[in-house]
């Protein structure tokens, strides 16, 4: 009898053979973005004002209280009382948050950016709670206007995010793995045209062209001949630091870096040409003038083609 009792107890503890665990509770999640402000490329941050809502059946849960923003901090949240929609619980909150946004500036100022709202339940793993995206209602307000960008796409998705840690709980294995259901609302922005590109680099382009005007000056007129190039070089360097001050530190070369370096390189070559032209002028003035005339045509064309190539690669 004792053996049968122990066997019955084991069945109660482990479950009957072939029985599966209870399905996790499903929670429908949706977001509506009201405003996107304070886009800060240098500090990798952006301010977002949005509504978030949940629909669920299990009365033991309250995802409106247990949700958290995984890629930023919530500055304020204003929840509404949970109410019933027929047999379903419904809760909503207005949230103002600062997102930590890793901007991709490799193509700045022709960049495309994706802002993400990332939400998880802080209390229950995916074994107990699974998010379901409310794709029909999750969107961005038509009046949202991000300076310098246009909205081209947005959508909500769900993924499983794994954490390989026991969070210091020594009762769990060292490499304990927990999985949480993650909701992501991605908003894609891009520069609408080349106007911002031209505005950003206008001083650099004009300075480089001014440097090429030195080819109209006789090589023996040293002050204006070399002064134009040197002044243009300093102007380009100053613009480089002004543009870099608005961007995050990057280990790679951005489009902005390449255009600036190309401009400085062309100006440096124009100064070298002036030195060569001066040497030729002392021996044969006519040949030096011919070299200058060709340079006046070749340098701007080469610079234009170089900038176009750097923009397209």
Protein backbone atom coordinates (compact mmCIF):
# COMPACT_ATOMS: atom_id res chain seq x y z
CA UNK A 1 0.00 0.00 0.00
CA UNK A 2 2.82 2.37 0.82
CA UNK A 3 4.37 1.72 -2.59
CA UNK A 4 1.10 2.58 -4.37
CA UNK A 5 0.69 5.69 -2.27
CA UNK A 6 4.18 6.87 -3.18
CA UNK A 7 3.53 6.21 -6.86
CA UNK A 8 0.28 8.18 -6.71
CA UNK A 9 2.09 11.06 -4.99
CA UNK A 10 4.77 11.06 -7.68
CA UNK A 11 2.09 11.32 -10.36
CA UNK A 12 0.54 14.30 -8.63
CA UNK A 13 3.91 16.05 -8.41
CA UNK A 14 5.19 15.33 -11.92
CA UNK A 15 1.94 15.07 -13.86
CA UNK A 16 0.47 12.21 -15.80
CA UNK A 17 2.55 10.74 -18.62
CA UNK A 18 1.91 12.54 -21.90
CA UNK A 19 0.34 15.57 -20.25
CA UNK A 20 1.78 18.95 -21.32
CA UNK A 21 2.23 22.04 -19.22
CA UNK A 22 -0.49 24.67 -19.16
CA UNK A 23 -0.33 27.14 -22.02
CA UNK A 24 1.06 30.58 -21.12
CA UNK A 25 -1.42 33.40 -20.76
CA UNK A 26 -1.71 35.58 -23.84
CA UNK A 27 -1.58 39.35 -23.45
CA UNK A 28 -2.37 41.60 -26.42
CA UNK A 29 -0.09 44.67 -26.50
CA UNK A 30 -0.34 47.79 -28.62
CA UNK A 31 1.20 51.28 -28.76
CA UNK A 32 0.25 54.59 -30.34
CA UNK A 33 3.00 57.20 -30.67
CA UNK A 34 1.89 60.80 -30.05
CA UNK A 35 5.18 62.68 -30.30
CA UNK A 36 8.84 62.13 -31.12
CA UNK A 37 11.01 65.00 -29.91
CA UNK A 38 14.52 65.76 -28.73
CA UNK A 39 16.36 63.66 -31.32
CA UNK A 40 19.93 63.79 -30.01
CA UNK A 41 22.39 62.04 -32.31
CA UNK A 42 25.42 62.81 -30.15
CA UNK A 43 23.98 61.38 -26.90
CA UNK A 44 22.06 58.54 -28.59
CA UNK A 45 18.73 59.61 -27.13
CA UNK A 46 15.23 60.55 -28.21
CA UNK A 47 12.05 61.53 -26.31
CA UNK A 48 8.85 59.64 -27.11
CA UNK A 49 5.31 60.26 -25.89
CA UNK A 50 3.06 57.25 -26.48
CA UNK A 51 0.01 55.29 -25.35
CA UNK A 52 0.34 51.61 -24.44
CA UNK A 53 -2.55 49.23 -23.84
CA UNK A 54 -3.06 45.61 -22.83
CA UNK A 55 -5.90 43.10 -23.21
CA UNK A 56 -5.87 39.85 -21.25
CA UNK A 57 -8.22 37.19 -19.83
CA UNK A 58 -6.40 35.93 -16.72
CA UNK A 59 -7.69 37.94 -13.75
CA UNK A 60 -4.59 37.06 -11.70
CA UNK A 61 -2.45 39.21 -14.01
CA UNK A 62 -2.12 42.97 -14.41
CA UNK A 63 0.40 43.66 -17.20
CA UNK A 64 -0.39 47.37 -16.97
CA UNK A 65 1.49 47.42 -13.66
CA UNK A 66 4.27 44.97 -14.51
CA UNK A 67 5.40 46.17 -17.96
CA UNK A 68 8.76 47.93 -18.32
CA UNK A 69 10.57 49.79 -21.07
CA UNK A 70 13.76 47.90 -21.85
CA UNK A 71 15.67 50.49 -23.91
CA UNK A 72 15.10 53.65 -21.92
CA UNK A 73 13.60 55.19 -18.83
CA UNK A 74 10.01 56.16 -18.21
CA UNK A 75 9.76 59.81 -17.11
CA UNK A 76 6.05 59.58 -16.34
CA UNK A 77 3.16 57.20 -16.79
CA UNK A 78 -0.56 57.93 -16.42
CA UNK A 79 -2.57 54.70 -16.29
CA UNK A 80 -6.33 54.44 -16.56
CA UNK A 81 -8.34 52.04 -14.34
CA UNK A 82 -8.52 48.48 -15.63
CA UNK A 83 -11.97 47.70 -17.01
CA UNK A 84 -13.79 44.84 -18.67
CA UNK A 85 -14.41 44.64 -22.42
CA UNK A 86 -16.98 41.83 -22.36
CA UNK A 87 -14.93 38.99 -20.80
CA UNK A 88 -11.53 40.60 -21.43
CA UNK A 89 -9.54 42.88 -19.14
CA UNK A 90 -8.35 46.14 -20.68
CA UNK A 91 -5.81 48.64 -19.34
CA UNK A 92 -4.16 51.68 -20.89
CA UNK A 93 -1.47 54.19 -19.92
CA UNK A 94 0.09 57.30 -21.39
CA UNK A 95 3.86 57.18 -21.14
CA UNK A 96 6.57 59.79 -21.61
CA UNK A 97 9.99 58.22 -21.94
CA UNK A 98 13.59 58.88 -22.92
CA UNK A 99 14.90 56.12 -25.19
CA UNK A 100 18.54 55.09 -25.43
CA UNK A 101 18.77 54.96 -29.19
CA UNK A 102 21.88 53.63 -30.98
CA UNK A 103 21.83 55.85 -34.06
CA UNK A 104 23.38 54.68 -37.33
CA UNK A 105 25.33 57.70 -38.58
CA UNK A 106 27.41 55.89 -41.18
CA UNK A 107 25.43 57.64 -43.93
CA UNK A 108 24.91 60.99 -42.18
CA UNK A 109 23.52 63.37 -43.47
CA UNK A 110 21.72 60.93 -45.78
CA UNK A 111 20.97 58.59 -42.88
CA UNK A 112 17.99 56.35 -42.19
CA UNK A 113 17.11 55.75 -38.53
CA UNK A 114 14.86 53.27 -36.72
CA UNK A 115 13.38 54.21 -33.33
CA UNK A 116 12.25 51.23 -31.23
CA UNK A 117 9.85 50.98 -28.30
CA UNK A 118 10.84 47.77 -26.51
CA UNK A 119 8.49 46.44 -23.80
CA UNK A 120 8.67 43.36 -21.59
CA UNK A 121 6.81 42.07 -18.55
CA UNK A 122 9.04 42.48 -15.51
CA UNK A 123 7.27 39.79 -13.48
CA UNK A 124 6.52 36.78 -15.69
CA UNK A 125 8.71 34.85 -18.11
CA UNK A 126 7.47 33.60 -21.49
CA UNK A 127 6.61 30.32 -19.77
CA UNK A 128 3.68 32.10 -18.11
CA UNK A 129 2.97 35.23 -20.18
CA UNK A 130 3.30 35.66 -23.94
CA UNK A 131 2.71 38.99 -25.69
CA UNK A 132 0.63 39.22 -28.86
CA UNK A 133 1.03 42.39 -30.99
CA UNK A 134 -2.02 44.50 -31.74
CA UNK A 135 -0.80 45.16 -35.27
CA UNK A 136 -4.11 46.61 -36.46
CA UNK A 137 -4.06 49.49 -33.99
CA UNK A 138 -0.36 50.09 -33.25
CA UNK A 139 0.79 53.06 -35.29
CA UNK A 140 2.11 56.64 -35.25
CA UNK A 141 0.00 59.78 -35.09
CA UNK A 142 -0.20 61.49 -38.51
CA UNK A 143 0.85 64.79 -36.90
CA UNK A 144 4.20 63.41 -35.68
CA UNK A 145 6.93 65.56 -37.22
CA UNK A 146 10.61 64.78 -36.68
CA UNK A 147 12.78 67.68 -37.85
CA UNK A 148 14.86 66.70 -40.86
CA UNK A 149 13.20 63.30 -41.30
CA UNK A 150 10.09 61.76 -42.80
CA UNK A 151 8.28 58.68 -41.51
CA UNK A 152 8.46 55.84 -44.04
CA UNK A 153 7.39 52.80 -42.04
CA UNK A 154 6.29 51.52 -38.63
CA UNK A 155 5.07 48.23 -37.21
CA UNK A 156 4.83 46.04 -34.11
CA UNK A 157 6.45 42.62 -33.67
CA UNK A 158 6.99 40.05 -30.90
CA UNK A 159 10.20 38.16 -30.14
CA UNK A 160 11.61 35.95 -27.38
CA UNK A 161 14.51 37.56 -25.52
CA UNK A 162 16.90 35.33 -23.58
CA UNK A 163 18.82 36.33 -20.46
CA UNK A 164 21.71 34.01 -19.62
CA UNK A 165 22.18 34.80 -15.94
CA UNK A 166 20.80 33.82 -12.55
CA UNK A 167 20.80 37.49 -11.43
CA UNK A 168 22.85 36.51 -8.38
CA UNK A 169 20.33 33.92 -7.15
CA UNK A 170 22.68 31.18 -5.91
CA UNK A 171 19.81 28.67 -5.79
CA UNK A 172 19.88 28.67 -9.59
CA UNK A 173 22.66 27.37 -11.88
CA UNK A 174 25.38 29.85 -12.88
CA UNK A 175 24.32 29.94 -16.55
CA UNK A 176 20.60 29.82 -15.84
CA UNK A 177 18.56 30.96 -18.83
CA UNK A 178 15.27 32.83 -18.66
CA UNK A 179 13.13 33.84 -21.63
CA UNK A 180 10.79 36.83 -21.74
CA UNK A 181 8.27 37.79 -24.37
CA UNK A 182 9.32 41.10 -25.95
CA UNK A 183 7.13 43.61 -27.80
CA UNK A 184 8.85 45.97 -30.25
CA UNK A 185 7.28 48.89 -32.11
CA UNK A 186 9.79 50.00 -34.77
CA UNK A 187 9.49 53.42 -36.44
CA UNK A 188 11.70 54.05 -39.49
CA UNK A 189 12.72 57.57 -40.49
CA UNK A 190 14.76 58.82 -43.42
CA UNK A 191 16.00 62.09 -44.89
CA UNK A 192 13.42 63.20 -47.46
CA UNK A 193 15.86 64.58 -50.05
CA UNK A 194 19.36 65.97 -50.59
CA UNK A 195 18.57 69.45 -49.24
CA UNK A 196 19.92 68.64 -45.78
CA UNK A 197 23.02 67.12 -47.40
CA UNK A 198 23.70 70.33 -49.34
CA UNK A 199 23.03 72.53 -46.29
CA UNK A 200 25.39 70.48 -44.14
CA UNK A 201 28.28 70.55 -46.61
CA UNK A 202 27.63 73.90 -48.33
CA UNK A 203 30.48 75.70 -46.52
CA UNK A 204 32.87 72.85 -47.29
CA UNK A 205 31.94 72.78 -50.98
CA UNK A 206 32.25 76.55 -51.36
CA UNK A 207 35.58 76.63 -49.51
CA UNK A 208 36.99 73.93 -51.79
CA UNK A 209 35.87 75.79 -54.91
CA UNK A 210 37.41 79.00 -53.57
CA UNK A 211 40.72 77.15 -53.18
CA UNK A 212 40.60 76.23 -56.88
CA UNK A 213 40.27 79.92 -57.81
CA UNK A 214 43.94 80.20 -56.92
CA UNK A 215 44.69 78.79 -60.40
CA UNK A 216 43.59 82.17 -61.80
CA UNK A 217 46.38 83.92 -59.88
CA UNK A 218 49.91 84.05 -61.22
CA UNK A 219 52.20 81.59 -59.42
CA UNK A 220 54.63 84.37 -58.48
CA UNK A 221 51.89 86.21 -56.52
CA UNK A 222 52.57 84.04 -53.48
CA UNK A 223 50.22 85.65 -50.93
CA UNK A 224 46.94 85.34 -52.87
CA UNK A 225 48.01 82.15 -54.65
CA UNK A 226 48.72 80.16 -51.49
CA UNK A 227 46.50 82.22 -49.18
CA UNK A 228 43.32 81.07 -50.91
CA UNK A 229 44.17 77.41 -50.42
CA UNK A 230 45.36 77.75 -46.83
CA UNK A 231 42.28 79.78 -45.86
CA UNK A 232 39.99 77.23 -47.50
CA UNK A 233 41.76 74.40 -45.66
CA UNK A 234 41.18 76.06 -42.28
CA UNK A 235 37.53 76.66 -43.17
CA UNK A 236 37.00 72.98 -44.02
CA UNK A 237 38.72 71.85 -40.81
CA UNK A 238 36.47 74.18 -38.77
CA UNK A 239 33.36 72.79 -40.48
CA UNK A 240 34.56 69.27 -39.79
CA UNK A 241 34.66 69.92 -36.04
CA UNK A 242 31.27 71.65 -36.09
CA UNK A 243 29.62 68.66 -37.81
CA UNK A 244 31.45 66.14 -35.61
CA UNK A 245 30.17 67.92 -32.48
CA UNK A 246 26.61 66.87 -33.39
CA UNK A 247 27.45 63.20 -33.94
CA UNK A 248 28.29 60.35 -31.54
CA UNK A 249 31.82 59.04 -31.36
CA UNK A 250 32.34 56.39 -34.02
CA UNK A 251 35.22 54.03 -34.73
CA UNK A 252 34.42 53.95 -38.45
CA UNK A 253 34.29 56.57 -41.19
CA UNK A 254 30.91 58.19 -41.77
CA UNK A 255 29.85 59.79 -45.04
CA UNK A 256 30.50 63.15 -43.37
CA UNK A 257 34.07 62.08 -42.51
CA UNK A 258 34.76 60.92 -46.05
CA UNK A 259 33.48 64.13 -47.67
CA UNK A 260 35.51 66.27 -45.26
CA UNK A 261 38.69 64.27 -45.79
CA UNK A 262 38.18 64.31 -49.56
CA UNK A 263 37.78 68.10 -49.48
CA UNK A 264 40.92 68.57 -47.40
CA UNK A 265 42.79 66.23 -49.72
CA UNK A 266 41.75 68.14 -52.84
CA UNK A 267 42.73 71.46 -51.27
CA UNK A 268 46.10 70.01 -50.29
CA UNK A 269 46.62 68.82 -53.89
CA UNK A 270 45.75 72.32 -55.12
CA UNK A 271 48.48 73.73 -52.86
CA UNK A 272 50.93 71.19 -54.25
CA UNK A 273 49.90 72.21 -57.77
CA UNK A 274 50.63 75.85 -56.90
CA UNK A 275 54.12 74.89 -55.75
CA UNK A 276 54.77 72.91 -58.94
CA UNK A 277 53.36 75.72 -61.07
CA UNK A 278 55.73 78.19 -59.37
CA UNK A 279 58.72 75.99 -60.23
CA UNK A 280 57.63 75.72 -63.85
CA UNK A 281 56.88 79.45 -64.08
CA UNK A 282 60.48 80.32 -63.25
CA UNK A 283 61.63 78.33 -66.29
CA UNK A 284 58.73 78.70 -68.69
CA UNK A 285 55.88 81.04 -67.81
CA UNK A 286 53.69 79.90 -70.73
CA UNK A 287 53.73 76.24 -69.63
CA UNK A 288 52.87 77.24 -66.07
CA UNK A 289 49.85 79.21 -67.28
CA UNK A 290 48.69 76.24 -69.41
CA UNK A 291 48.97 73.98 -66.36
CA UNK A 292 46.87 76.43 -64.34
CA UNK A 293 44.18 76.61 -67.01
CA UNK A 294 43.88 72.83 -67.17
CA UNK A 295 43.87 72.60 -63.38
CA UNK A 296 41.04 75.15 -63.22
CA UNK A 297 38.90 72.67 -65.16
CA UNK A 298 40.21 69.31 -63.92
CA UNK A 299 40.18 70.01 -60.17
CA UNK A 300 36.48 71.04 -59.85
CA UNK A 301 35.34 68.15 -62.08
CA UNK A 302 37.47 65.64 -60.18
CA UNK A 303 36.17 67.00 -56.87
CA UNK A 304 32.55 66.79 -58.03
CA UNK A 305 32.97 63.19 -59.24
CA UNK A 306 34.72 62.25 -56.00
CA UNK A 307 31.90 63.65 -53.86
CA UNK A 308 29.25 61.90 -55.97
CA UNK A 309 31.15 58.60 -55.69
CA UNK A 310 31.54 58.93 -51.92
CA UNK A 311 27.81 59.60 -51.61
CA UNK A 312 26.81 56.50 -53.57
CA UNK A 313 29.19 53.91 -52.05
